[in-house]
PDB file of N, CA and C in Angstrom:
ATOM      1  N   MET A   1     -70.359  50.504 -25.288  1.00  0.00           N
ATOM      2  CA  MET A   1     -70.898  49.165 -25.450  1.00  0.00           C
ATOM      3  C   MET A   1     -70.021  48.200 -24.646  1.00  0.00           C
ATOM      4  N   PRO A   2     -70.607  47.336 -23.789  1.00  0.00           N
ATOM      5  CA  PRO A   2     -69.811  46.374 -23.029  1.00  0.00           C
ATOM      6  C   PRO A   2     -69.028  45.470 -23.971  1.00  0.00           C
ATOM      7  N   MET A   3     -67.884  44.955 -23.488  1.00  0.00           N
ATOM      8  CA  MET A   3     -67.000  44.149 -24.324  1.00  0.00           C
ATOM      9  C   MET A   3     -67.717  42.926 -24.904  1.00  0.00           C
ATOM     10  N   LEU A   4     -68.513  42.191 -24.090  1.00  0.00           N
ATOM     11  CA  LEU A   4     -69.210  41.015 -24.584  1.00  0.00           C
ATOM     12  C   LEU A   4     -70.196  41.394 -25.681  1.00  0.00           C
ATOM     13  N   GLY A   5     -70.935  42.494 -25.494  1.00  0.00           N
ATOM     14  CA  GLY A   5     -71.865  42.958 -26.518  1.00  0.00           C
ATOM     15  C   GLY A   5     -71.146  43.354 -27.798  1.00  0.00           C
ATOM     16  N   ARG A   6     -69.993  43.964 -27.662  1.00  0.00           N
ATOM     17  CA  ARG A   6     -69.193  44.365 -28.823  1.00  0.00           C
ATOM     18  C   ARG A   6     -68.723  43.122 -29.585  1.00  0.00           C
ATOM     19  N   ARG A   7     -68.292  42.097 -28.854  1.00  0.00           N
ATOM     20  CA  ARG A   7     -67.841  40.861 -29.518  1.00  0.00           C
ATOM     21  C   ARG A   7     -68.972  40.210 -30.292  1.00  0.00           C
ATOM     22  N   ARG A   8     -70.149  40.159 -29.687  1.00  0.00           N
ATOM     23  CA  ARG A   8     -71.304  39.572 -30.388  1.00  0.00           C
ATOM     24  C   ARG A   8     -71.648  40.380 -31.627  1.00  0.00           C
ATOM     25  N   ALA A   9     -71.647  41.688 -31.494  1.00  0.00           N
ATOM     26  CA  ALA A   9     -71.958  42.548 -32.637  1.00  0.00           C
ATOM     27  C   ALA A   9     -70.935  42.344 -33.753  1.00  0.00           C
ATOM     28  N   LEU A  10     -69.652  42.256 -33.378  1.00  0.00           N
ATOM     29  CA  LEU A  10     -68.616  42.027 -34.387  1.00  0.00           C
ATOM     30  C   LEU A  10     -68.761  40.656 -35.033  1.00  0.00           C
ATOM     31  N   ALA A  11     -69.122  39.635 -34.248  1.00  0.00           N
ATOM     32  CA  ALA A  11     -69.311  38.289 -34.804  1.00  0.00           C
ATOM     33  C   ALA A  11     -70.462  38.277 -35.807  1.00  0.00           C
ATOM     34  N   LEU A  12     -71.570  38.919 -35.446  1.00  0.00           N
ATOM     35  CA  LEU A  12     -72.706  38.964 -36.371  1.00  0.00           C
ATOM     36  C   LEU A  12     -72.387  39.797 -37.611  1.00  0.00           C
ATOM     37  N   TRP A  13     -71.683  40.895 -37.423  1.00  0.00           N
ATOM     38  CA  TRP A  13     -71.287  41.736 -38.555  1.00  0.00           C
ATOM     39  C   TRP A  13     -70.375  40.942 -39.485  1.00  0.00           C
ATOM     40  N   GLY A  14     -69.433  40.192 -38.914  1.00  0.00           N
ATOM     41  CA  GLY A  14     -68.536  39.362 -39.714  1.00  0.00           C
ATOM     42  C   GLY A  14     -69.301  38.297 -40.485  1.00  0.00           C
ATOM     43  N   ALA A  15     -70.282  37.671 -39.836  1.00  0.00           N
ATOM     44  CA  ALA A  15     -71.091  36.661 -40.514  1.00  0.00           C
ATOM     45  C   ALA A  15     -71.895  37.285 -41.652  1.00  0.00           C
ATOM     46  N   LEU A  16     -72.417  38.494 -41.429  1.00  0.00           N
ATOM     47  CA  LEU A  16     -73.169  39.176 -42.471  1.00  0.00           C
ATOM     48  C   LEU A  16     -72.269  39.512 -43.654  1.00  0.00           C
ATOM     49  N   LEU A  17     -71.078  40.037 -43.394  1.00  0.00           N
ATOM     50  CA  LEU A  17     -70.148  40.360 -44.481  1.00  0.00           C
ATOM     51  C   LEU A  17     -69.746  39.109 -45.250  1.00  0.00           C
ATOM     52  N   LEU A  18     -69.504  38.012 -44.547  1.00  0.00           N
ATOM     53  CA  LEU A  18     -69.153  36.763 -45.210  1.00  0.00           C
ATOM     54  C   LEU A  18     -70.301  36.276 -46.074  1.00  0.00           C
ATOM     55  N   THR A  19     -71.524  36.386 -45.565  1.00  0.00           N
ATOM     56  CA  THR A  19     -72.699  35.997 -46.339  1.00  0.00           C
ATOM     57  C   THR A  19     -72.817  36.837 -47.597  1.00  0.00           C
ATOM     58  N   LEU A  20     -72.621  38.145 -47.473  1.00  0.00           N
ATOM     59  CA  LEU A  20     -72.699  39.026 -48.638  1.00  0.00           C
ATOM     60  C   LEU A  20     -71.595  38.707 -49.643  1.00  0.00           C
ATOM     61  N   ALA A  21     -70.401  38.411 -49.140  1.00  0.00           N
ATOM     62  CA  ALA A  21     -69.278  38.118 -50.025  1.00  0.00           C
ATOM     63  C   ALA A  21     -69.488  36.809 -50.772  1.00  0.00           C
ATOM     64  N   LEU A  22     -70.053  35.801 -50.082  1.00  0.00           N
ATOM     65  CA  LEU A  22     -70.202  34.486 -50.697  1.00  0.00           C
ATOM     66  C   LEU A  22     -71.552  34.304 -51.372  1.00  0.00           C
ATOM     67  N   GLY A  23     -72.461  35.208 -51.135  1.00  0.00           N
ATOM     68  CA  GLY A  23     -73.763  35.136 -51.783  1.00  0.00           C
ATOM     69  C   GLY A  23     -74.649  34.103 -51.124  1.00  0.00           C
ATOM     70  N   GLY A  24     -75.638  33.657 -51.867  1.00  0.00           N
ATOM     71  CA  GLY A  24     -76.584  32.682 -51.355  1.00  0.00           C
ATOM     72  C   GLY A  24     -77.971  33.275 -51.345  1.00  0.00           C
ATOM     73  N   ARG A  25     -78.956  32.388 -51.297  1.00  0.00           N
ATOM     74  CA  ARG A  25     -80.352  32.811 -51.286  1.00  0.00           C
ATOM     75  C   ARG A  25     -80.827  32.867 -49.838  1.00  0.00           C
ATOM     76  N   ALA A  26     -81.416  33.991 -49.445  1.00  0.00           N
ATOM     77  CA  ALA A  26     -81.908  34.140 -48.076  1.00  0.00           C
ATOM     78  C   ALA A  26     -83.113  33.234 -47.878  1.00  0.00           C
ATOM     79  N   LEU A  27     -83.017  32.348 -46.909  1.00  0.00           N
ATOM     80  CA  LEU A  27     -84.133  31.489 -46.539  1.00  0.00           C
ATOM     81  C   LEU A  27     -84.969  32.193 -45.471  1.00  0.00           C
ATOM     82  N   ALA A  28     -84.283  32.814 -44.522  1.00  0.00           N
ATOM     83  CA  ALA A  28     -84.981  33.517 -43.448  1.00  0.00           C
ATOM     84  C   ALA A  28     -84.048  34.513 -42.791  1.00  0.00           C
ATOM     85  N   GLN A  29     -84.606  35.640 -42.447  1.00  0.00           N
ATOM     86  CA  GLN A  29     -83.906  36.656 -41.673  1.00  0.00           C
ATOM     87  C   GLN A  29     -84.975  37.260 -40.775  1.00  0.00           C
ATOM     88  N   GLU A  30     -84.911  36.924 -39.488  1.00  0.00           N
ATOM     89  CA  GLU A  30     -86.006  37.291 -38.603  1.00  0.00           C
ATOM     90  C   GLU A  30     -85.504  37.691 -37.221  1.00  0.00           C
ATOM     91  N   ARG A  31     -86.392  38.345 -36.507  1.00  0.00           N
ATOM     92  CA  ARG A  31     -86.195  38.649 -35.085  1.00  0.00           C
ATOM     93  C   ARG A  31     -87.473  38.189 -34.401  1.00  0.00           C
ATOM     94  N   ILE A  32     -87.335  37.267 -33.457  1.00  0.00           N
ATOM     95  CA  ILE A  32     -88.504  36.722 -32.771  1.00  0.00           C
ATOM     96  C   ILE A  32     -88.260  36.708 -31.265  1.00  0.00           C
ATOM     97  N   ARG A  33     -89.327  36.527 -30.509  1.00  0.00           N
ATOM     98  CA  ARG A  33     -89.230  36.385 -29.061  1.00  0.00           C
ATOM     99  C   ARG A  33     -89.724  34.988 -28.701  1.00  0.00           C
ATOM    100  N   LEU A  34     -88.890  34.257 -27.963  1.00  0.00           N
ATOM    101  CA  LEU A  34     -89.266  32.937 -27.462  1.00  0.00           C
ATOM    102  C   LEU A  34     -89.748  33.082 -26.032  1.00  0.00           C
ATOM    103  N   GLY A  35     -90.890  32.465 -25.735  1.00  0.00           N
ATOM    104  CA  GLY A  35     -91.414  32.449 -24.377  1.00  0.00           C
ATOM    105  C   GLY A  35     -90.908  31.217 -23.630  1.00  0.00           C
ATOM    106  N   PRO A  36     -91.383  31.025 -22.412  1.00  0.00           N
ATOM    107  CA  PRO A  36     -90.930  29.896 -21.592  1.00  0.00           C
ATOM    108  C   PRO A  36     -91.064  28.555 -22.318  1.00  0.00           C
ATOM    109  N   TYR A  37     -89.959  27.817 -22.387  1.00  0.00           N
ATOM    110  CA  TYR A  37     -89.897  26.482 -22.990  1.00  0.00           C
ATOM    111  C   TYR A  37     -90.356  26.454 -24.452  1.00  0.00           C
ATOM    112  N   GLU A  38     -90.321  27.577 -25.121  1.00  0.00           N
ATOM    113  CA  GLU A  38     -90.767  27.662 -26.507  1.00  0.00           C
ATOM    114  C   GLU A  38     -89.629  27.279 -27.457  1.00  0.00           C
ATOM    115  N   THR A  39     -90.012  26.765 -28.622  1.00  0.00           N
ATOM    116  CA  THR A  39     -89.048  26.395 -29.659  1.00  0.00           C
ATOM    117  C   THR A  39     -89.390  27.102 -30.957  1.00  0.00           C
ATOM    118  N   TYR A  40     -88.398  27.168 -31.841  1.00  0.00           N
ATOM    119  CA  TYR A  40     -88.602  27.731 -33.181  1.00  0.00           C
ATOM    120  C   TYR A  40     -87.777  26.901 -34.152  1.00  0.00           C
ATOM    121  N   GLU A  41     -88.340  26.609 -35.310  1.00  0.00           N
ATOM    122  CA  GLU A  41     -87.689  25.737 -36.272  1.00  0.00           C
ATOM    123  C   GLU A  41     -87.973  26.194 -37.696  1.00  0.00           C
ATOM    124  N   ARG A  42     -86.943  26.130 -38.558  1.00  0.00           N
ATOM    125  CA  ARG A  42     -87.091  26.367 -39.997  1.00  0.00           C
ATOM    126  C   ARG A  42     -86.455  25.181 -40.705  1.00  0.00           C
ATOM    127  N   CYS A  43     -87.153  24.607 -41.685  1.00  0.00           N
ATOM    128  CA  CYS A  43     -86.674  23.420 -42.374  1.00  0.00           C
ATOM    129  C   CYS A  43     -86.582  23.659 -43.879  1.00  0.00           C
ATOM    130  N   ILE A  44     -85.629  22.963 -44.512  1.00  0.00           N
ATOM    131  CA  ILE A  44     -85.440  23.082 -45.956  1.00  0.00           C
ATOM    132  C   ILE A  44     -84.848  21.784 -46.489  1.00  0.00           C
ATOM    133  N   GLU A  45     -85.251  21.436 -47.687  1.00  0.00           N
ATOM    134  CA  GLU A  45     -84.716  20.264 -48.391  1.00  0.00           C
ATOM    135  C   GLU A  45     -83.371  20.644 -48.999  1.00  0.00           C
ATOM    136  N   LEU A  46     -82.352  19.832 -48.731  1.00  0.00           N
ATOM    137  CA  LEU A  46     -81.021  20.049 -49.299  1.00  0.00           C
ATOM    138  C   LEU A  46     -80.554  18.802 -50.028  1.00  0.00           C
ATOM    139  N   ASN A  47     -79.844  19.003 -51.122  1.00  0.00           N
ATOM    140  CA  ASN A  47     -79.189  17.921 -51.851  1.00  0.00           C
ATOM    141  C   ASN A  47     -77.747  17.802 -51.368  1.00  0.00           C
ATOM    142  N   PRO A  48     -77.102  16.660 -51.627  1.00  0.00           N
ATOM    143  CA  PRO A  48     -75.689  16.526 -51.230  1.00  0.00           C
ATOM    144  C   PRO A  48     -74.845  17.662 -51.800  1.00  0.00           C
ATOM    145  N   GLY A  49     -74.008  18.255 -50.960  1.00  0.00           N
ATOM    146  CA  GLY A  49     -73.138  19.354 -51.374  1.00  0.00           C
ATOM    147  C   GLY A  49     -73.747  20.732 -51.197  1.00  0.00           C
ATOM    148  N   ASN A  50     -75.082  20.816 -51.020  1.00  0.00           N
ATOM    149  CA  ASN A  50     -75.715  22.108 -50.738  1.00  0.00           C
ATOM    150  C   ASN A  50     -75.478  22.464 -49.280  1.00  0.00           C
ATOM    151  N   SER A  51     -75.452  23.774 -48.995  1.00  0.00           N
ATOM    152  CA  SER A  51     -75.109  24.230 -47.646  1.00  0.00           C
ATOM    153  C   SER A  51     -76.122  25.222 -47.103  1.00  0.00           C
ATOM    154  N   LEU A  52     -76.153  25.292 -45.777  1.00  0.00           N
ATOM    155  CA  LEU A  52     -76.882  26.333 -45.050  1.00  0.00           C
ATOM    156  C   LEU A  52     -75.855  27.184 -44.330  1.00  0.00           C
ATOM    157  N   ARG A  53     -75.898  28.487 -44.556  1.00  0.00           N
ATOM    158  CA  ARG A  53     -75.074  29.430 -43.802  1.00  0.00           C
ATOM    159  C   ARG A  53     -76.003  30.047 -42.759  1.00  0.00           C
ATOM    160  N   TYR A  54     -75.610  29.999 -41.512  1.00  0.00           N
ATOM    161  CA  TYR A  54     -76.466  30.487 -40.431  1.00  0.00           C
ATOM    162  C   TYR A  54     -75.690  31.396 -39.493  1.00  0.00           C
ATOM    163  N   SER A  55     -76.404  32.328 -38.905  1.00  0.00           N
ATOM    164  CA  SER A  55     -75.869  33.167 -37.830  1.00  0.00           C
ATOM    165  C   SER A  55     -77.047  33.555 -36.944  1.00  0.00           C
ATOM    166  N   TYR A  56     -76.770  33.678 -35.655  1.00  0.00           N
ATOM    167  CA  TYR A  56     -77.830  34.037 -34.720  1.00  0.00           C
ATOM    168  C   TYR A  56     -77.237  34.683 -33.477  1.00  0.00           C
ATOM    169  N   GLU A  57     -78.088  35.426 -32.790  1.00  0.00           N
ATOM    170  CA  GLU A  57     -77.747  36.033 -31.508  1.00  0.00           C
ATOM    171  C   GLU A  57     -79.002  36.012 -30.652  1.00  0.00           C
ATOM    172  N   ALA A  58     -78.839  35.647 -29.382  1.00  0.00           N
ATOM    173  CA  ALA A  58     -79.970  35.558 -28.457  1.00  0.00           C
ATOM    174  C   ALA A  58     -79.662  36.340 -27.185  1.00  0.00           C
ATOM    175  N   SER A  59     -80.720  36.799 -26.535  1.00  0.00           N
ATOM    176  CA  SER A  59     -80.550  37.549 -25.295  1.00  0.00           C
ATOM    177  C   SER A  59     -80.456  36.641 -24.066  1.00  0.00           C
ATOM    178  N   ALA A  60     -80.688  35.345 -24.246  1.00  0.00           N
ATOM    179  CA  ALA A  60     -80.556  34.353 -23.178  1.00  0.00           C
ATOM    180  C   ALA A  60     -80.030  33.059 -23.798  1.00  0.00           C
ATOM    181  N   PRO A  61     -79.375  32.213 -23.012  1.00  0.00           N
ATOM    182  CA  PRO A  61     -78.832  30.964 -23.573  1.00  0.00           C
ATOM    183  C   PRO A  61     -79.933  30.072 -24.153  1.00  0.00           C
ATOM    184  N   LEU A  62     -79.664  29.537 -25.349  1.00  0.00           N
ATOM    185  CA  LEU A  62     -80.606  28.670 -26.052  1.00  0.00           C
ATOM    186  C   LEU A  62     -79.931  27.372 -26.459  1.00  0.00           C
ATOM    187  N   ARG A  63     -80.738  26.358 -26.685  1.00  0.00           N
ATOM    188  CA  ARG A  63     -80.260  25.171 -27.379  1.00  0.00           C
ATOM    189  C   ARG A  63     -80.384  25.473 -28.866  1.00  0.00           C
ATOM    190  N   PHE A  64     -79.342  25.149 -29.621  1.00  0.00           N
ATOM    191  CA  PHE A  64     -79.341  25.342 -31.075  1.00  0.00           C
ATOM    192  C   PHE A  64     -78.919  24.034 -31.717  1.00  0.00           C
ATOM    193  N   ASP A  65     -79.618  23.653 -32.787  1.00  0.00           N
ATOM    194  CA  ASP A  65     -79.158  22.495 -33.543  1.00  0.00           C
ATOM    195  C   ASP A  65     -79.619  22.566 -34.982  1.00  0.00           C
ATOM    196  N   ILE A  66     -78.949  21.791 -35.797  1.00  0.00           N
ATOM    197  CA  ILE A  66     -79.407  21.473 -37.149  1.00  0.00           C
ATOM    198  C   ILE A  66     -79.578  19.967 -37.133  1.00  0.00           C
ATOM    199  N   HIS A  67     -80.790  19.505 -37.486  1.00  0.00           N
ATOM    200  CA  HIS A  67     -81.064  18.072 -37.412  1.00  0.00           C
ATOM    201  C   HIS A  67     -81.835  17.598 -38.639  1.00  0.00           C
ATOM    202  N   PHE A  68     -81.870  16.283 -38.784  1.00  0.00           N
ATOM    203  CA  PHE A  68     -82.684  15.652 -39.812  1.00  0.00           C
ATOM    204  C   PHE A  68     -83.151  14.295 -39.284  1.00  0.00           C
ATOM    205  N   HIS A  69     -84.180  13.773 -39.912  1.00  0.00           N
ATOM    206  CA  HIS A  69     -84.756  12.497 -39.490  1.00  0.00           C
ATOM    207  C   HIS A  69     -84.355  11.413 -40.479  1.00  0.00           C
ATOM    208  N   ALA A  70     -83.845  10.305 -39.932  1.00  0.00           N
ATOM    209  CA  ALA A  70     -83.472   9.134 -40.726  1.00  0.00           C
ATOM    210  C   ALA A  70     -84.290   7.965 -40.183  1.00  0.00           C
ATOM    211  N   GLY A  71     -85.439   7.737 -40.810  1.00  0.00           N
ATOM    212  CA  GLY A  71     -86.347   6.719 -40.292  1.00  0.00           C
ATOM    213  C   GLY A  71     -86.891   7.153 -38.948  1.00  0.00           C
ATOM    214  N   GLU A  72     -86.734   6.320 -37.938  1.00  0.00           N
ATOM    215  CA  GLU A  72     -87.211   6.608 -36.580  1.00  0.00           C
ATOM    216  C   GLU A  72     -86.207   7.424 -35.772  1.00  0.00           C
ATOM    217  N   LYS A  73     -85.012   7.615 -36.307  1.00  0.00           N
ATOM    218  CA  LYS A  73     -83.927   8.249 -35.557  1.00  0.00           C
ATOM    219  C   LYS A  73     -83.716   9.695 -36.019  1.00  0.00           C
ATOM    220  N   THR A  74     -83.423  10.589 -35.065  1.00  0.00           N
ATOM    221  CA  THR A  74     -83.077  11.974 -35.376  1.00  0.00           C
ATOM    222  C   THR A  74     -81.563  12.125 -35.269  1.00  0.00           C
ATOM    223  N   GLN A  75     -80.953  12.677 -36.317  1.00  0.00           N
ATOM    224  CA  GLN A  75     -79.510  12.911 -36.361  1.00  0.00           C
ATOM    225  C   GLN A  75     -79.245  14.400 -36.135  1.00  0.00           C
ATOM    226  N   TYR A  76     -78.181  14.717 -35.386  1.00  0.00           N
ATOM    227  CA  TYR A  76     -77.823  16.097 -35.053  1.00  0.00           C
ATOM    228  C   TYR A  76     -76.404  16.405 -35.535  1.00  0.00           C
ATOM    229  N   PRO A  77     -76.241  16.791 -36.794  1.00  0.00           N
ATOM    230  CA  PRO A  77     -74.885  17.123 -37.250  1.00  0.00           C
ATOM    231  C   PRO A  77     -74.323  18.386 -36.611  1.00  0.00           C
ATOM    232  N   VAL A  78     -75.187  19.289 -36.128  1.00  0.00           N
ATOM    233  CA  VAL A  78     -74.753  20.489 -35.403  1.00  0.00           C
ATOM    234  C   VAL A  78     -75.596  20.566 -34.139  1.00  0.00           C
ATOM    235  N   TYR A  79     -74.933  20.717 -32.977  1.00  0.00           N
ATOM    236  CA  TYR A  79     -75.658  20.786 -31.707  1.00  0.00           C
ATOM    237  C   TYR A  79     -74.874  21.645 -30.724  1.00  0.00           C
ATOM    238  N   ARG A  80     -75.543  22.660 -30.155  1.00  0.00           N
ATOM    239  CA  ARG A  80     -74.936  23.509 -29.117  1.00  0.00           C
ATOM    240  C   ARG A  80     -75.997  23.768 -28.058  1.00  0.00           C
ATOM    241  N   ASP A  81     -75.611  23.650 -26.808  1.00  0.00           N
ATOM    242  CA  ASP A  81     -76.522  23.935 -25.715  1.00  0.00           C
ATOM    243  C   ASP A  81     -75.980  25.130 -24.933  1.00  0.00           C
ATOM    244  N   GLY A  82     -76.863  26.017 -24.519  1.00  0.00           N
ATOM    245  CA  GLY A  82     -76.447  27.185 -23.751  1.00  0.00           C
ATOM    246  C   GLY A  82     -75.789  28.259 -24.601  1.00  0.00           C
ATOM    247  N   ALA A  83     -76.146  28.338 -25.862  1.00  0.00           N
ATOM    248  CA  ALA A  83     -75.506  29.268 -26.788  1.00  0.00           C
ATOM    249  C   ALA A  83     -76.217  30.624 -26.802  1.00  0.00           C
ATOM    250  N   LEU A  84     -75.432  31.697 -26.739  1.00  0.00           N
ATOM    251  CA  LEU A  84     -75.954  33.054 -26.901  1.00  0.00           C
ATOM    252  C   LEU A  84     -75.825  33.530 -28.341  1.00  0.00           C
ATOM    253  N   SER A  85     -74.868  32.984 -29.073  1.00  0.00           N
ATOM    254  CA  SER A  85     -74.679  33.367 -30.472  1.00  0.00           C
ATOM    255  C   SER A  85     -73.898  32.269 -31.176  1.00  0.00           C
ATOM    256  N   GLY A  86     -73.940  32.324 -32.486  1.00  0.00           N
ATOM    257  CA  GLY A  86     -73.186  31.364 -33.273  1.00  0.00           C
ATOM    258  C   GLY A  86     -73.338  31.658 -34.746  1.00  0.00           C
ATOM    259  N   SER A  87     -72.441  31.079 -35.509  1.00  0.00           N
ATOM    260  CA  SER A  87     -72.525  31.189 -36.967  1.00  0.00           C
ATOM    261  C   SER A  87     -71.709  30.057 -37.561  1.00  0.00           C
ATOM    262  N   GLY A  88     -72.010  29.735 -38.787  1.00  0.00           N
ATOM    263  CA  GLY A  88     -71.274  28.676 -39.450  1.00  0.00           C
ATOM    264  C   GLY A  88     -71.911  28.292 -40.757  1.00  0.00           C
ATOM    265  N   VAL A  89     -71.343  27.269 -41.361  1.00  0.00           N
ATOM    266  CA  VAL A  89     -71.858  26.708 -42.602  1.00  0.00           C
ATOM    267  C   VAL A  89     -72.015  25.210 -42.395  1.00  0.00           C
ATOM    268  N   PHE A  90     -73.194  24.696 -42.671  1.00  0.00           N
ATOM    269  CA  PHE A  90     -73.450  23.266 -42.626  1.00  0.00           C
ATOM    270  C   PHE A  90     -73.640  22.785 -44.056  1.00  0.00           C
ATOM    271  N   THR A  91     -72.945  21.719 -44.451  1.00  0.00           N
ATOM    272  CA  THR A  91     -73.059  21.154 -45.794  1.00  0.00           C
ATOM    273  C   THR A  91     -73.682  19.763 -45.701  1.00  0.00           C
ATOM    274  N   ALA A  92     -74.737  19.552 -46.469  1.00  0.00           N
ATOM    275  CA  ALA A  92     -75.453  18.272 -46.458  1.00  0.00           C
ATOM    276  C   ALA A  92     -74.628  17.191 -47.150  1.00  0.00           C
ATOM    277  N   ARG A  93     -74.637  16.011 -46.564  1.00  0.00           N
ATOM    278  CA  ARG A  93     -73.956  14.865 -47.174  1.00  0.00           C
ATOM    279  C   ARG A  93     -74.926  13.982 -47.947  1.00  0.00           C
ATOM    280  N   GLN A  94     -76.219  14.121 -47.633  1.00  0.00           N
ATOM    281  CA  GLN A  94     -77.239  13.333 -48.320  1.00  0.00           C
ATOM    282  C   GLN A  94     -78.487  14.185 -48.517  1.00  0.00           C
ATOM    283  N   ARG A  95     -79.327  13.778 -49.468  1.00  0.00           N
ATOM    284  CA  ARG A  95     -80.582  14.492 -49.707  1.00  0.00           C
ATOM    285  C   ARG A  95     -81.515  14.233 -48.522  1.00  0.00           C
ATOM    286  N   ASN A  96     -82.002  15.328 -47.940  1.00  0.00           N
ATOM    287  CA  ASN A  96     -82.884  15.204 -46.799  1.00  0.00           C
ATOM    288  C   ASN A  96     -83.485  16.573 -46.476  1.00  0.00           C
ATOM    289  N   GLU A  97     -84.490  16.593 -45.631  1.00  0.00           N
ATOM    290  CA  GLU A  97     -84.993  17.838 -45.072  1.00  0.00           C
ATOM    291  C   GLU A  97     -84.210  18.100 -43.789  1.00  0.00           C
ATOM    292  N   TYR A  98     -83.552  19.245 -43.730  1.00  0.00           N
ATOM    293  CA  TYR A  98     -82.749  19.640 -42.577  1.00  0.00           C
ATOM    294  C   TYR A  98     -83.461  20.781 -41.866  1.00  0.00           C
ATOM    295  N   CYS A  99     -83.463  20.722 -40.538  1.00  0.00           N
ATOM    296  CA  CYS A  99     -84.159  21.736 -39.744  1.00  0.00           C
ATOM    297  C   CYS A  99     -83.178  22.459 -38.832  1.00  0.00           C
ATOM    298  N   VAL A 100     -83.276  23.794 -38.838  1.00  0.00           N
ATOM    299  CA  VAL A 100     -82.517  24.652 -37.934  1.00  0.00           C
ATOM    300  C   VAL A 100     -83.459  24.948 -36.774  1.00  0.00           C
ATOM    301  N   TYR A 101     -82.985  24.717 -35.548  1.00  0.00           N
ATOM    302  CA  TYR A 101     -83.876  24.670 -34.388  1.00  0.00           C
ATOM    303  C   TYR A 101     -83.260  25.409 -33.201  1.00  0.00           C
ATOM    304  N   TRP A 102     -84.096  26.202 -32.520  1.00  0.00           N
ATOM    305  CA  TRP A 102     -83.704  26.866 -31.283  1.00  0.00           C
ATOM    306  C   TRP A 102     -84.734  26.519 -30.208  1.00  0.00           C
ATOM    307  N   ALA A 103     -84.284  26.389 -28.959  1.00  0.00           N
ATOM    308  CA  ALA A 103     -85.202  26.111 -27.847  1.00  0.00           C
ATOM    309  C   ALA A 103     -84.751  26.875 -26.611  1.00  0.00           C
ATOM    310  N   LEU A 104     -85.713  27.519 -25.970  1.00  0.00           N
ATOM    311  CA  LEU A 104     -85.480  28.140 -24.672  1.00  0.00           C
ATOM    312  C   LEU A 104     -85.843  27.080 -23.635  1.00  0.00           C
ATOM    313  N   ARG A 105     -84.919  26.777 -22.741  1.00  0.00           N
ATOM    314  CA  ARG A 105     -85.109  25.644 -21.846  1.00  0.00           C
ATOM    315  C   ARG A 105     -85.393  26.060 -20.405  1.00  0.00           C
ATOM    316  N   ASP A 106     -86.013  27.225 -20.226  1.00  0.00           N
ATOM    317  CA  ASP A 106     -86.387  27.645 -18.873  1.00  0.00           C
ATOM    318  C   ASP A 106     -87.641  28.502 -18.925  1.00  0.00           C
ATOM    319  N   GLU A 107     -87.987  29.101 -17.796  1.00  0.00           N
ATOM    320  CA  GLU A 107     -89.235  29.854 -17.681  1.00  0.00           C
ATOM    321  C   GLU A 107     -89.111  31.313 -18.093  1.00  0.00           C
ATOM    322  N   GLY A 108     -87.961  31.731 -18.563  1.00  0.00           N
ATOM    323  CA  GLY A 108     -87.765  33.116 -18.964  1.00  0.00           C
ATOM    324  C   GLY A 108     -88.259  33.375 -20.386  1.00  0.00           C
ATOM    325  N   SER A 109     -87.670  34.374 -21.006  1.00  0.00           N
ATOM    326  CA  SER A 109     -87.943  34.681 -22.405  1.00  0.00           C
ATOM    327  C   SER A 109     -86.617  35.081 -23.051  1.00  0.00           C
ATOM    328  N   ALA A 110     -86.586  35.041 -24.380  1.00  0.00           N
ATOM    329  CA  ALA A 110     -85.356  35.391 -25.099  1.00  0.00           C
ATOM    330  C   ALA A 110     -85.706  36.015 -26.435  1.00  0.00           C
ATOM    331  N   ASP A 111     -84.985  37.067 -26.786  1.00  0.00           N
ATOM    332  CA  ASP A 111     -85.072  37.640 -28.122  1.00  0.00           C
ATOM    333  C   ASP A 111     -84.037  36.922 -28.974  1.00  0.00           C
ATOM    334  N   LEU A 112     -84.445  36.496 -30.163  1.00  0.00           N
ATOM    335  CA  LEU A 112     -83.582  35.761 -31.078  1.00  0.00           C
ATOM    336  C   LEU A 112     -83.574  36.473 -32.420  1.00  0.00           C
ATOM    337  N   THR A 113     -82.390  36.801 -32.892  1.00  0.00           N
ATOM    338  CA  THR A 113     -82.214  37.375 -34.229  1.00  0.00           C
ATOM    339  C   THR A 113     -81.372  36.390 -35.015  1.00  0.00           C
ATOM    340  N   PHE A 114     -81.826  36.026 -36.213  1.00  0.00           N
ATOM    341  CA  PHE A 114     -81.074  35.053 -36.988  1.00  0.00           C
ATOM    342  C   PHE A 114     -81.199  35.294 -38.481  1.00  0.00           C
ATOM    343  N   GLU A 115     -80.255  34.709 -39.208  1.00  0.00           N
ATOM    344  CA  GLU A 115     -80.286  34.697 -40.668  1.00  0.00           C
ATOM    345  C   GLU A 115     -79.848  33.322 -41.131  1.00  0.00           C
ATOM    346  N   ILE A 116     -80.576  32.782 -42.090  1.00  0.00           N
ATOM    347  CA  ILE A 116     -80.233  31.505 -42.705  1.00  0.00           C
ATOM    348  C   ILE A 116     -80.225  31.718 -44.215  1.00  0.00           C
ATOM    349  N   ARG A 117     -79.155  31.269 -44.876  1.00  0.00           N
ATOM    350  CA  ARG A 117     -79.051  31.352 -46.330  1.00  0.00           C
ATOM    351  C   ARG A 117     -78.713  29.980 -46.879  1.00  0.00           C
ATOM    352  N   THR A 118     -79.225  29.687 -48.056  1.00  0.00           N
ATOM    353  CA  THR A 118     -78.851  28.446 -48.737  1.00  0.00           C
ATOM    354  C   THR A 118     -77.766  28.752 -49.745  1.00  0.00           C
ATOM    355  N   LEU A 119     -76.789  27.879 -49.804  1.00  0.00           N
ATOM    356  CA  LEU A 119     -75.713  27.975 -50.789  1.00  0.00           C
ATOM    357  C   LEU A 119     -75.781  26.703 -51.614  1.00  0.00           C
ATOM    358  N   ARG A 120     -76.062  26.850 -52.878  1.00  0.00           N
ATOM    359  CA  ARG A 120     -76.207  25.685 -53.763  1.00  0.00           C
ATOM    360  C   ARG A 120     -74.922  25.456 -54.524  1.00  0.00           C
ATOM    361  N   ARG A 121     -74.590  24.218 -54.666  1.00  0.00           N
ATOM    362  CA  ARG A 121     -73.388  23.815 -55.393  1.00  0.00           C
ATOM    363  C   ARG A 121     -73.616  23.924 -56.863  1.00  0.00           C
TER     364      ARG A 121
END
């Protein structure tokens, strides 16, 4: 296995073990294919102190964010562009619907594998 592929596999394995150790309710665990300029989004209502644990791996660079709408404005507490993989925990500061979002920003295609779990306080 190439070194970069091994690192990604270890990162995802580590995120999975952390998720299992800390628990949480699975919101989504999927493998999808994004076509040219395609997006994918999953949204959930969170109360203050509730968290989303996320991990993902893509076969091509993607835009990744967690966002919410405040009136006419969109807020991006988590934003990464050109990401092949990532993981983390986002904790809501206010009650709102938060959306986890991926976008392919070119004419290619990308396989995306991800897991999102909710952690309630």
